[in-house]
Amino acid sequence: MKSFLNNMPNTNIETHTVVETENTDQGVLASLGLNGQLFTFQLINFAVVAVIIWFLILKPLTKKLAEREKMIDESIENSKKVQENLTKAERDYQKKIDDAKAAAGQILDNAAADGKKTGEQLKVQARKEIENLVDQAKRNIQIEEKEMVVKLKSETASLIVAALEKILEEKVDEKKDKQLIESAIKKLTP
């Protein structure tokens, strides 16, 4: 517009003032190296592009980022829960191991006590059996002793009769023989 006004031969003062005002406005923008209309269109284009970018790219991107952040937070929370469960499971496992060790110790103690008790019972039983064997042996010895005494008396009586027969050189009849044996046995028995 400035070039158009400058080319016109008849200029009005009013027109000149309007042009000067525009020149001063354009002068400030021009001094910055900007064209006012172009700047306005570029500003509108920037706003439109910014709105398009916001609605088509940034808003879905921020939504995806929020979803991703939520998913990451949930994953972290889940990993904390898993870690807590793992720690709890390890404590439970250790407690069960400790309980099993205590139970095993108790079983071993009981087994040792039962072993001692059984050992004592076996000792008592063995002593009884030994005592029974000793008593049986004593009875057998007494029976054998009695049998030997009877045998010895019988043999002694036979020897006495034989000696008497030789001394007397006569045969004693059975009745007399019996009396002699019985009297000799009576003398031998204390």
N, C-alpha and C. Protein backbone atom coordinates (compact mmCIF):
# COMPACT_ATOMS: atom_id res chain seq x y z
N MET A 1 0.81 -1.16 0.00
CA MET A 1 0.00 0.00 0.00
C MET A 1 0.87 1.25 0.00
N LYS A 2 1.94 1.18 0.64
CA LYS A 2 2.84 2.32 0.71
C LYS A 2 3.35 2.68 -0.69
N SER A 3 3.72 1.67 -1.43
CA SER A 3 4.19 1.96 -2.77
C SER A 3 3.08 2.53 -3.64
N PHE A 4 1.87 2.09 -3.41
CA PHE A 4 0.75 2.63 -4.15
C PHE A 4 0.54 4.09 -3.81
N LEU A 5 0.59 4.47 -2.58
CA LEU A 5 0.40 5.86 -2.15
C LEU A 5 1.56 6.74 -2.63
N ASN A 6 2.70 6.21 -2.63
CA ASN A 6 3.85 6.98 -3.07
C ASN A 6 3.77 7.27 -4.57
N ASN A 7 3.18 6.43 -5.31
CA ASN A 7 3.08 6.61 -6.74
C ASN A 7 1.95 7.57 -7.11
N MET A 8 1.07 7.82 -6.28
CA MET A 8 -0.04 8.73 -6.57
C MET A 8 0.46 10.19 -6.48
N PRO A 9 0.10 10.99 -7.48
CA PRO A 9 0.59 12.35 -7.46
C PRO A 9 -0.14 13.26 -6.50
N ASN A 10 -1.41 13.14 -6.39
CA ASN A 10 -2.16 14.02 -5.50
C ASN A 10 -2.36 13.30 -4.20
N THR A 11 -1.76 13.72 -3.22
CA THR A 11 -1.93 13.07 -1.93
C THR A 11 -2.58 14.03 -0.98
N ASN A 12 -3.39 13.48 -0.25
CA ASN A 12 -4.09 14.21 0.79
C ASN A 12 -3.29 14.14 2.06
N ILE A 13 -3.56 15.11 2.91
CA ILE A 13 -2.89 15.10 4.19
C ILE A 13 -3.44 13.97 5.03
N GLU A 14 -4.73 13.75 4.93
CA GLU A 14 -5.33 12.68 5.71
C GLU A 14 -4.78 11.34 5.25
N THR A 15 -4.72 11.18 3.98
CA THR A 15 -4.21 9.95 3.46
C THR A 15 -2.77 9.80 3.88
N HIS A 16 -2.09 10.85 3.90
CA HIS A 16 -0.71 10.81 4.28
C HIS A 16 -0.57 10.40 5.75
N THR A 17 -1.45 10.88 6.62
CA THR A 17 -1.40 10.54 8.03
C THR A 17 -1.71 9.05 8.24
N VAL A 18 -2.70 8.53 7.51
CA VAL A 18 -3.05 7.12 7.64
C VAL A 18 -1.87 6.29 7.17
N VAL A 19 -1.28 6.70 6.12
CA VAL A 19 -0.15 5.97 5.58
C VAL A 19 1.00 6.04 6.57
N GLU A 20 1.20 7.18 7.17
CA GLU A 20 2.28 7.31 8.14
C GLU A 20 2.04 6.41 9.33
N THR A 21 0.77 6.32 9.77
CA THR A 21 0.45 5.45 10.90
C THR A 21 0.75 4.00 10.52
N GLU A 22 0.34 3.64 9.30
CA GLU A 22 0.60 2.28 8.87
C GLU A 22 2.10 2.08 8.74
N ASN A 23 2.76 3.10 8.27
CA ASN A 23 4.20 3.00 8.11
C ASN A 23 4.88 2.84 9.47
N THR A 24 4.35 3.58 10.44
CA THR A 24 4.98 3.45 11.76
C THR A 24 4.73 2.08 12.33
N ASP A 25 3.46 1.51 12.10
CA ASP A 25 3.18 0.16 12.59
C ASP A 25 4.04 -0.85 11.82
N GLN A 26 4.08 -0.61 10.54
CA GLN A 26 4.89 -1.53 9.75
C GLN A 26 6.36 -1.26 10.00
N GLY A 27 6.64 -0.07 10.42
CA GLY A 27 8.01 0.28 10.68
C GLY A 27 8.55 -0.49 11.88
N VAL A 28 7.71 -0.66 12.88
CA VAL A 28 8.16 -1.40 14.06
C VAL A 28 8.33 -2.86 13.68
N LEU A 29 7.32 -3.39 12.98
CA LEU A 29 7.41 -4.79 12.56
C LEU A 29 8.52 -4.95 11.52
N ALA A 30 8.60 -3.96 10.63
CA ALA A 30 9.62 -4.03 9.59
C ALA A 30 11.00 -3.92 10.20
N SER A 31 11.10 -3.09 11.26
CA SER A 31 12.41 -2.97 11.89
C SER A 31 12.83 -4.30 12.53
N LEU A 32 11.83 -5.11 12.89
CA LEU A 32 12.13 -6.45 13.42
C LEU A 32 12.29 -7.46 12.29
N GLY A 33 11.98 -7.05 11.11
CA GLY A 33 12.12 -7.92 9.95
C GLY A 33 10.89 -8.78 9.75
N LEU A 34 9.72 -8.27 10.18
CA LEU A 34 8.50 -9.06 10.06
C LEU A 34 7.48 -8.34 9.20
N ASN A 35 6.71 -9.14 8.50
CA ASN A 35 5.59 -8.63 7.73
C ASN A 35 4.36 -8.91 8.59
N GLY A 36 3.53 -7.91 8.87
CA GLY A 36 2.40 -8.01 9.78
C GLY A 36 1.39 -9.03 9.34
N GLN A 37 0.98 -8.98 8.06
CA GLN A 37 -0.01 -9.93 7.57
C GLN A 37 0.55 -11.34 7.58
N LEU A 38 1.74 -11.48 7.11
CA LEU A 38 2.38 -12.80 7.09
C LEU A 38 2.53 -13.33 8.50
N PHE A 39 2.89 -12.43 9.42
CA PHE A 39 3.03 -12.84 10.83
C PHE A 39 1.69 -13.32 11.37
N THR A 40 0.61 -12.63 11.05
CA THR A 40 -0.71 -13.00 11.54
C THR A 40 -1.11 -14.35 10.96
N PHE A 41 -0.91 -14.53 9.66
CA PHE A 41 -1.24 -15.82 9.05
C PHE A 41 -0.38 -16.94 9.64
N GLN A 42 0.87 -16.66 9.84
CA GLN A 42 1.75 -17.67 10.44
C GLN A 42 1.33 -17.99 11.87
N LEU A 43 0.88 -16.94 12.61
CA LEU A 43 0.41 -17.16 13.98
C LEU A 43 -0.85 -18.01 13.97
N ILE A 44 -1.75 -17.76 13.02
CA ILE A 44 -2.99 -18.55 12.91
C ILE A 44 -2.63 -19.98 12.49
N ASN A 45 -1.75 -20.11 11.52
CA ASN A 45 -1.30 -21.45 11.10
C ASN A 45 -0.66 -22.21 12.27
N PHE A 46 0.17 -21.50 13.03
CA PHE A 46 0.81 -22.13 14.19
C PHE A 46 -0.24 -22.61 15.18
N ALA A 47 -1.25 -21.79 15.44
CA ALA A 47 -2.30 -22.16 16.39
C ALA A 47 -3.07 -23.37 15.87
N VAL A 48 -3.38 -23.38 14.57
CA VAL A 48 -4.11 -24.51 13.98
C VAL A 48 -3.26 -25.77 14.06
N VAL A 49 -2.00 -25.66 13.70
CA VAL A 49 -1.10 -26.82 13.76
C VAL A 49 -0.94 -27.29 15.21
N ALA A 50 -0.81 -26.33 16.14
CA ALA A 50 -0.68 -26.70 17.55
C ALA A 50 -1.93 -27.42 18.04
N VAL A 51 -3.12 -26.95 17.62
CA VAL A 51 -4.37 -27.62 18.02
C VAL A 51 -4.43 -29.00 17.39
N ILE A 52 -4.08 -29.10 16.12
CA ILE A 52 -4.10 -30.40 15.44
C ILE A 52 -3.11 -31.35 16.11
N ILE A 53 -1.91 -30.86 16.35
CA ILE A 53 -0.90 -31.69 17.02
C ILE A 53 -1.39 -32.09 18.41
N TRP A 54 -2.02 -31.16 19.11
CA TRP A 54 -2.51 -31.46 20.46
C TRP A 54 -3.56 -32.57 20.41
N PHE A 55 -4.55 -32.43 19.54
CA PHE A 55 -5.64 -33.40 19.53
C PHE A 55 -5.27 -34.70 18.83
N LEU A 56 -4.45 -34.64 17.80
CA LEU A 56 -4.13 -35.85 17.06
C LEU A 56 -2.90 -36.58 17.59
N ILE A 57 -1.96 -35.85 18.17
CA ILE A 57 -0.71 -36.49 18.58
C ILE A 57 -0.51 -36.43 20.09
N LEU A 58 -0.50 -35.22 20.64
CA LEU A 58 -0.13 -35.07 22.05
C LEU A 58 -1.16 -35.67 23.00
N LYS A 59 -2.46 -35.44 22.72
CA LYS A 59 -3.48 -35.97 23.61
C LYS A 59 -3.46 -37.49 23.62
N PRO A 60 -3.47 -38.17 22.44
CA PRO A 60 -3.36 -39.65 22.47
C PRO A 60 -2.04 -40.11 23.08
N LEU A 61 -0.96 -39.33 22.80
CA LEU A 61 0.35 -39.69 23.35
C LEU A 61 0.34 -39.58 24.87
N THR A 62 -0.24 -38.49 25.40
CA THR A 62 -0.31 -38.36 26.86
C THR A 62 -1.22 -39.42 27.46
N LYS A 63 -2.29 -39.78 26.72
CA LYS A 63 -3.18 -40.84 27.20
C LYS A 63 -2.41 -42.17 27.25
N LYS A 64 -1.67 -42.47 26.19
CA LYS A 64 -0.86 -43.69 26.15
C LYS A 64 0.19 -43.67 27.25
N LEU A 65 0.83 -42.52 27.44
CA LEU A 65 1.83 -42.40 28.49
C LEU A 65 1.21 -42.62 29.87
N ALA A 66 0.00 -42.07 30.06
CA ALA A 66 -0.70 -42.26 31.35
C ALA A 66 -1.03 -43.74 31.54
N GLU A 67 -1.53 -44.39 30.46
CA GLU A 67 -1.82 -45.81 30.54
C GLU A 67 -0.55 -46.61 30.84
N ARG A 68 0.51 -46.23 30.16
CA ARG A 68 1.80 -46.92 30.37
C ARG A 68 2.28 -46.72 31.80
N GLU A 69 2.15 -45.49 32.30
CA GLU A 69 2.55 -45.19 33.67
C GLU A 69 1.70 -46.01 34.65
N LYS A 70 0.40 -46.11 34.37
CA LYS A 70 -0.50 -46.89 35.22
C LYS A 70 -0.09 -48.36 35.19
N MET A 71 0.22 -48.87 33.99
CA MET A 71 0.64 -50.25 33.84
C MET A 71 1.95 -50.50 34.59
N ILE A 72 2.87 -49.57 34.50
CA ILE A 72 4.15 -49.69 35.21
C ILE A 72 3.92 -49.67 36.71
N ASP A 73 3.05 -48.76 37.17
CA ASP A 73 2.73 -48.70 38.60
C ASP A 73 2.10 -50.01 39.07
N GLU A 74 1.18 -50.56 38.25
CA GLU A 74 0.56 -51.83 38.60
C GLU A 74 1.60 -52.95 38.63
N SER A 75 2.52 -52.92 37.67
CA SER A 75 3.58 -53.93 37.64
C SER A 75 4.46 -53.82 38.88
N ILE A 76 4.79 -52.61 39.26
CA ILE A 76 5.61 -52.40 40.46
C ILE A 76 4.85 -52.89 41.69
N GLU A 77 3.56 -52.58 41.76
CA GLU A 77 2.73 -53.01 42.88
C GLU A 77 2.65 -54.54 42.93
N ASN A 78 2.44 -55.13 41.74
CA ASN A 78 2.38 -56.59 41.67
C ASN A 78 3.71 -57.21 42.07
N SER A 79 4.82 -56.61 41.63
CA SER A 79 6.13 -57.15 42.01
C SER A 79 6.35 -57.02 43.51
N LYS A 80 5.85 -55.94 44.11
CA LYS A 80 5.96 -55.80 45.57
C LYS A 80 5.14 -56.89 46.26
N LYS A 81 3.93 -57.15 45.73
CA LYS A 81 3.10 -58.21 46.31
C LYS A 81 3.76 -59.57 46.16
N VAL A 82 4.34 -59.81 44.98
CA VAL A 82 5.03 -61.07 44.75
C VAL A 82 6.21 -61.20 45.70
N GLN A 83 6.95 -60.10 45.89
CA GLN A 83 8.09 -60.11 46.80
C GLN A 83 7.63 -60.39 48.23
N GLU A 84 6.52 -59.74 48.64
CA GLU A 84 5.98 -59.98 49.98
C GLU A 84 5.55 -61.43 50.13
N ASN A 85 4.86 -61.97 49.10
CA ASN A 85 4.44 -63.37 49.14
C ASN A 85 5.63 -64.31 49.20
N LEU A 86 6.67 -63.96 48.43
CA LEU A 86 7.88 -64.77 48.44
C LEU A 86 8.53 -64.74 49.81
N THR A 87 8.61 -63.55 50.40
CA THR A 87 9.19 -63.43 51.74
C THR A 87 8.37 -64.21 52.75
N LYS A 88 7.05 -64.11 52.64
CA LYS A 88 6.16 -64.84 53.54
C LYS A 88 6.34 -66.34 53.35
N ALA A 89 6.41 -66.76 52.09
CA ALA A 89 6.60 -68.19 51.80
C ALA A 89 7.93 -68.68 52.36
N GLU A 90 8.97 -67.86 52.24
CA GLU A 90 10.27 -68.25 52.79
C GLU A 90 10.20 -68.36 54.30
N ARG A 91 9.49 -67.41 54.96
CA ARG A 91 9.34 -67.49 56.42
C ARG A 91 8.56 -68.74 56.80
N ASP A 92 7.48 -69.02 56.06
CA ASP A 92 6.69 -70.21 56.35
C ASP A 92 7.52 -71.48 56.14
N TYR A 93 8.29 -71.48 55.06
CA TYR A 93 9.15 -72.62 54.76
C TYR A 93 10.17 -72.82 55.87
N GLN A 94 10.80 -71.73 56.30
CA GLN A 94 11.79 -71.82 57.37
C GLN A 94 11.13 -72.29 58.67
N LYS A 95 9.92 -71.78 58.93
CA LYS A 95 9.21 -72.20 60.14
C LYS A 95 8.91 -73.69 60.09
N LYS A 96 8.46 -74.17 58.91
CA LYS A 96 8.18 -75.59 58.78
C LYS A 96 9.44 -76.43 58.94
N ILE A 97 10.54 -75.93 58.40
CA ILE A 97 11.81 -76.65 58.57
C ILE A 97 12.18 -76.69 60.05
N ASP A 98 12.05 -75.54 60.73
CA ASP A 98 12.36 -75.50 62.16
C ASP A 98 11.44 -76.43 62.95
N ASP A 99 10.15 -76.43 62.59
CA ASP A 99 9.21 -77.34 63.26
C ASP A 99 9.58 -78.80 63.00
N ALA A 100 9.96 -79.08 61.76
CA ALA A 100 10.35 -80.45 61.42
C ALA A 100 11.60 -80.86 62.18
N LYS A 101 12.56 -79.93 62.30
CA LYS A 101 13.78 -80.23 63.07
C LYS A 101 13.44 -80.47 64.52
N ALA A 102 12.54 -79.64 65.07
CA ALA A 102 12.13 -79.83 66.46
C ALA A 102 11.42 -81.17 66.63
N ALA A 103 10.54 -81.50 65.67
CA ALA A 103 9.83 -82.78 65.74
C ALA A 103 10.81 -83.94 65.61
N ALA A 104 11.78 -83.81 64.72
CA ALA A 104 12.80 -84.85 64.56
C ALA A 104 13.61 -85.00 65.84
N GLY A 105 13.96 -83.87 66.46
CA GLY A 105 14.68 -83.92 67.74
C GLY A 105 13.85 -84.60 68.81
N GLN A 106 12.56 -84.28 68.83
CA GLN A 106 11.65 -84.91 69.80
C GLN A 106 11.56 -86.40 69.55
N ILE A 107 11.46 -86.77 68.27
CA ILE A 107 11.40 -88.19 67.92
C ILE A 107 12.67 -88.90 68.35
N LEU A 108 13.82 -88.25 68.09
CA LEU A 108 15.09 -88.85 68.49
C LEU A 108 15.17 -88.99 70.02
N ASP A 109 14.71 -87.96 70.73
CA ASP A 109 14.70 -88.03 72.19
C ASP A 109 13.79 -89.15 72.66
N ASN A 110 12.61 -89.22 72.05
CA ASN A 110 11.68 -90.30 72.42
C ASN A 110 12.27 -91.66 72.10
N ALA A 111 12.92 -91.76 70.94
CA ALA A 111 13.53 -93.03 70.55
C ALA A 111 14.64 -93.40 71.52
N ALA A 112 15.44 -92.40 71.94
CA ALA A 112 16.50 -92.68 72.91
C ALA A 112 15.90 -93.13 74.24
N ALA A 113 14.83 -92.44 74.66
CA ALA A 113 14.18 -92.82 75.93
C ALA A 113 13.57 -94.21 75.80
N ASP A 114 12.92 -94.47 74.66
CA ASP A 114 12.34 -95.80 74.45
C ASP A 114 13.44 -96.86 74.39
N GLY A 115 14.55 -96.49 73.76
CA GLY A 115 15.69 -97.42 73.69
C GLY A 115 16.22 -97.75 75.07
N LYS A 116 16.36 -96.72 75.92
CA LYS A 116 16.83 -96.96 77.29
C LYS A 116 15.83 -97.84 78.04
N LYS A 117 14.54 -97.50 77.88
CA LYS A 117 13.50 -98.25 78.56
C LYS A 117 13.50 -99.71 78.09
N THR A 118 13.58 -99.89 76.77
CA THR A 118 13.62 -101.24 76.23
C THR A 118 14.87 -101.97 76.68
N GLY A 119 16.00 -101.25 76.71
CA GLY A 119 17.25 -101.84 77.19
C GLY A 119 17.12 -102.29 78.64
N GLU A 120 16.51 -101.45 79.47
CA GLU A 120 16.30 -101.83 80.87
C GLU A 120 15.38 -103.04 80.98
N GLN A 121 14.33 -103.03 80.17
CA GLN A 121 13.41 -104.16 80.18
C GLN A 121 14.11 -105.44 79.74
N LEU A 122 14.95 -105.32 78.70
CA LEU A 122 15.70 -106.49 78.24
C LEU A 122 16.68 -106.97 79.30
N LYS A 123 17.30 -106.01 80.00
CA LYS A 123 18.22 -106.40 81.08
C LYS A 123 17.47 -107.14 82.18
N VAL A 124 16.31 -106.59 82.56
CA VAL A 124 15.51 -107.25 83.59
C VAL A 124 15.07 -108.63 83.13
N GLN A 125 14.63 -108.70 81.89
CA GLN A 125 14.20 -109.99 81.35
C GLN A 125 15.38 -110.97 81.30
N ALA A 126 16.54 -110.47 80.87
CA ALA A 126 17.73 -111.34 80.81
C ALA A 126 18.11 -111.81 82.21
N ARG A 127 18.02 -110.91 83.20
CA ARG A 127 18.33 -111.32 84.59
C ARG A 127 17.35 -112.40 85.04
N LYS A 128 16.07 -112.21 84.73
CA LYS A 128 15.08 -113.22 85.12
C LYS A 128 15.38 -114.56 84.45
N GLU A 129 15.70 -114.48 83.15
CA GLU A 129 16.01 -115.72 82.45
C GLU A 129 17.26 -116.38 83.04
N ILE A 130 18.26 -115.55 83.34
CA ILE A 130 19.48 -116.09 83.96
C ILE A 130 19.15 -116.70 85.31
N GLU A 131 18.34 -115.99 86.11
CA GLU A 131 17.94 -116.53 87.41
C GLU A 131 17.17 -117.84 87.24
N ASN A 132 16.28 -117.87 86.24
CA ASN A 132 15.53 -119.11 85.97
C ASN A 132 16.47 -120.24 85.58
N LEU A 133 17.45 -119.90 84.71
CA LEU A 133 18.42 -120.91 84.30
C LEU A 133 19.25 -121.40 85.49
N VAL A 134 19.64 -120.43 86.35
CA VAL A 134 20.43 -120.81 87.54
C VAL A 134 19.58 -121.68 88.45
N ASP A 135 18.31 -121.28 88.66
CA ASP A 135 17.42 -122.08 89.50
C ASP A 135 17.22 -123.48 88.89
N GLN A 136 17.02 -123.53 87.58
CA GLN A 136 16.85 -124.81 86.91
C GLN A 136 18.11 -125.65 87.06
N ALA A 137 19.27 -124.99 86.89
CA ALA A 137 20.53 -125.71 87.04
C ALA A 137 20.69 -126.23 88.46
N LYS A 138 20.31 -125.39 89.44
CA LYS A 138 20.40 -125.84 90.85
C LYS A 138 19.48 -127.03 91.08
N ARG A 139 18.28 -126.96 90.54
CA ARG A 139 17.34 -128.09 90.70
C ARG A 139 17.90 -129.34 90.04
N ASN A 140 18.45 -129.14 88.82
CA ASN A 140 19.05 -130.29 88.13
C ASN A 140 20.20 -130.87 88.94
N ILE A 141 21.01 -129.96 89.50
CA ILE A 141 22.14 -130.41 90.31
C ILE A 141 21.63 -131.16 91.54
N GLN A 142 20.60 -130.61 92.18
CA GLN A 142 20.04 -131.28 93.36
C GLN A 142 19.48 -132.65 92.98
N ILE A 143 18.78 -132.72 91.84
CA ILE A 143 18.22 -134.02 91.40
C ILE A 143 19.34 -135.00 91.13
N GLU A 144 20.36 -134.50 90.41
CA GLU A 144 21.50 -135.37 90.10
C GLU A 144 22.22 -135.77 91.38
N GLU A 145 22.31 -134.81 92.30
CA GLU A 145 22.97 -135.10 93.57
C GLU A 145 22.21 -136.21 94.32
N LYS A 146 20.89 -136.08 94.36
CA LYS A 146 20.07 -137.10 95.03
C LYS A 146 20.22 -138.45 94.34
N GLU A 147 20.20 -138.40 92.98
CA GLU A 147 20.37 -139.64 92.25
C GLU A 147 21.73 -140.26 92.53
N MET A 148 22.76 -139.40 92.58
CA MET A 148 24.12 -139.89 92.85
C MET A 148 24.21 -140.45 94.26
N VAL A 149 23.55 -139.74 95.20
CA VAL A 149 23.58 -140.24 96.58
C VAL A 149 22.91 -141.62 96.63
N VAL A 150 21.75 -141.74 95.96
CA VAL A 150 21.05 -143.02 95.94
C VAL A 150 21.93 -144.07 95.28
N LYS A 151 22.53 -143.70 94.15
CA LYS A 151 23.40 -144.63 93.44
C LYS A 151 24.61 -145.00 94.29
N LEU A 152 25.16 -143.97 94.93
CA LEU A 152 26.34 -144.20 95.77
C LEU A 152 25.99 -145.12 96.93
N LYS A 153 24.82 -144.87 97.52
CA LYS A 153 24.39 -145.72 98.63
C LYS A 153 24.21 -147.15 98.14
N SER A 154 23.60 -147.25 96.97
CA SER A 154 23.36 -148.58 96.43
C SER A 154 24.67 -149.29 96.14
N GLU A 155 25.61 -148.58 95.52
CA GLU A 155 26.91 -149.18 95.21
C GLU A 155 27.69 -149.45 96.48
N THR A 156 27.59 -148.51 97.43
CA THR A 156 28.29 -148.72 98.69
C THR A 156 27.73 -149.97 99.38
N ALA A 157 26.42 -150.10 99.35
CA ALA A 157 25.79 -151.27 99.98
C ALA A 157 26.24 -152.53 99.27
N SER A 158 26.30 -152.47 97.92
CA SER A 158 26.76 -153.64 97.18
C SER A 158 28.20 -153.97 97.53
N LEU A 159 29.04 -152.93 97.66
CA LEU A 159 30.45 -153.13 98.03
C LEU A 159 30.54 -153.72 99.44
N ILE A 160 29.72 -153.21 100.34
CA ILE A 160 29.74 -153.72 101.72
C ILE A 160 29.32 -155.19 101.74
N VAL A 161 28.29 -155.49 100.96
CA VAL A 161 27.82 -156.88 100.91
C VAL A 161 28.90 -157.76 100.32
N ALA A 162 29.53 -157.27 99.25
CA ALA A 162 30.59 -158.06 98.63
C ALA A 162 31.74 -158.26 99.61
N ALA A 163 32.07 -157.17 100.32
CA ALA A 163 33.16 -157.28 101.31
C ALA A 163 32.75 -158.22 102.43
N LEU A 164 31.56 -158.13 102.86
CA LEU A 164 31.07 -159.01 103.93
C LEU A 164 31.05 -160.46 103.45
N GLU A 165 30.66 -160.68 102.23
CA GLU A 165 30.62 -162.03 101.71
C GLU A 165 32.01 -162.63 101.69
N LYS A 166 32.92 -161.82 101.35
CA LYS A 166 34.29 -162.32 101.32
C LYS A 166 34.74 -162.58 102.74
N ILE A 167 34.35 -161.66 103.60
CA ILE A 167 34.77 -161.85 104.98
C ILE A 167 34.05 -163.08 105.54
N LEU A 168 32.86 -163.17 105.32
CA LEU A 168 32.09 -164.26 105.90
C LEU A 168 32.13 -165.50 105.01
N GLU A 169 32.39 -165.35 103.88
CA GLU A 169 32.48 -166.35 102.86
C GLU A 169 31.22 -167.21 102.85
N GLU A 170 30.34 -166.63 103.12
CA GLU A 170 29.08 -167.32 102.97
C GLU A 170 28.09 -166.39 102.32
N LYS A 171 27.26 -166.96 101.70
CA LYS A 171 26.27 -166.16 100.99
C LYS A 171 25.15 -165.89 101.95
N VAL A 172 24.83 -164.65 101.99
CA VAL A 172 23.74 -164.24 102.86
C VAL A 172 22.47 -164.32 102.00
N ASP A 173 21.40 -164.78 102.60
CA ASP A 173 20.18 -164.85 101.81
C ASP A 173 19.65 -163.45 101.54
N GLU A 174 18.66 -163.43 100.74
CA GLU A 174 18.17 -162.12 100.30
C GLU A 174 17.58 -161.33 101.43
N LYS A 175 16.93 -161.94 102.31
CA LYS A 175 16.32 -161.24 103.42
C LYS A 175 17.38 -160.63 104.28
N LYS A 176 18.37 -161.36 104.59
CA LYS A 176 19.45 -160.88 105.42
C LYS A 176 20.23 -159.82 104.66
N ASP A 177 20.38 -160.05 103.37
CA ASP A 177 21.09 -159.09 102.51
C ASP A 177 20.37 -157.75 102.54
N LYS A 178 19.13 -157.77 102.44
CA LYS A 178 18.35 -156.55 102.44
C LYS A 178 18.48 -155.84 103.77
N GLN A 179 18.43 -156.57 104.87
CA GLN A 179 18.56 -155.97 106.19
C GLN A 179 19.92 -155.35 106.36
N LEU A 180 20.93 -156.01 105.92
CA LEU A 180 22.29 -155.49 106.02
C LEU A 180 22.43 -154.20 105.21
N ILE A 181 21.85 -154.15 104.00
CA ILE A 181 21.93 -152.97 103.13
C ILE A 181 21.21 -151.82 103.79
N GLU A 182 20.05 -152.05 104.28
CA GLU A 182 19.27 -150.98 104.90
C GLU A 182 19.96 -150.45 106.13
N SER A 183 20.52 -151.30 106.94
CA SER A 183 21.23 -150.84 108.14
C SER A 183 22.48 -150.04 107.77
N ALA A 184 23.16 -150.50 106.71
CA ALA A 184 24.34 -149.75 106.27
C ALA A 184 23.95 -148.40 105.70
N ILE A 185 22.86 -148.35 105.02
CA ILE A 185 22.40 -147.08 104.45
C ILE A 185 22.01 -146.13 105.54
N LYS A 186 21.35 -146.62 106.55
CA LYS A 186 20.95 -145.79 107.68
C LYS A 186 22.16 -145.23 108.39
N LYS A 187 23.18 -146.00 108.47
CA LYS A 187 24.40 -145.53 109.14
C LYS A 187 25.10 -144.45 108.30
N LEU A 188 25.00 -144.57 107.01
CA LEU A 188 25.66 -143.61 106.13
C LEU A 188 24.89 -142.29 106.05
N THR A 189 23.61 -142.33 106.20
CA THR A 189 22.78 -141.14 106.08
C THR A 189 22.89 -140.32 107.35
N PRO A 190 23.25 -139.12 107.30
CA PRO A 190 23.38 -138.32 108.51
C PRO A 190 22.07 -137.86 109.07
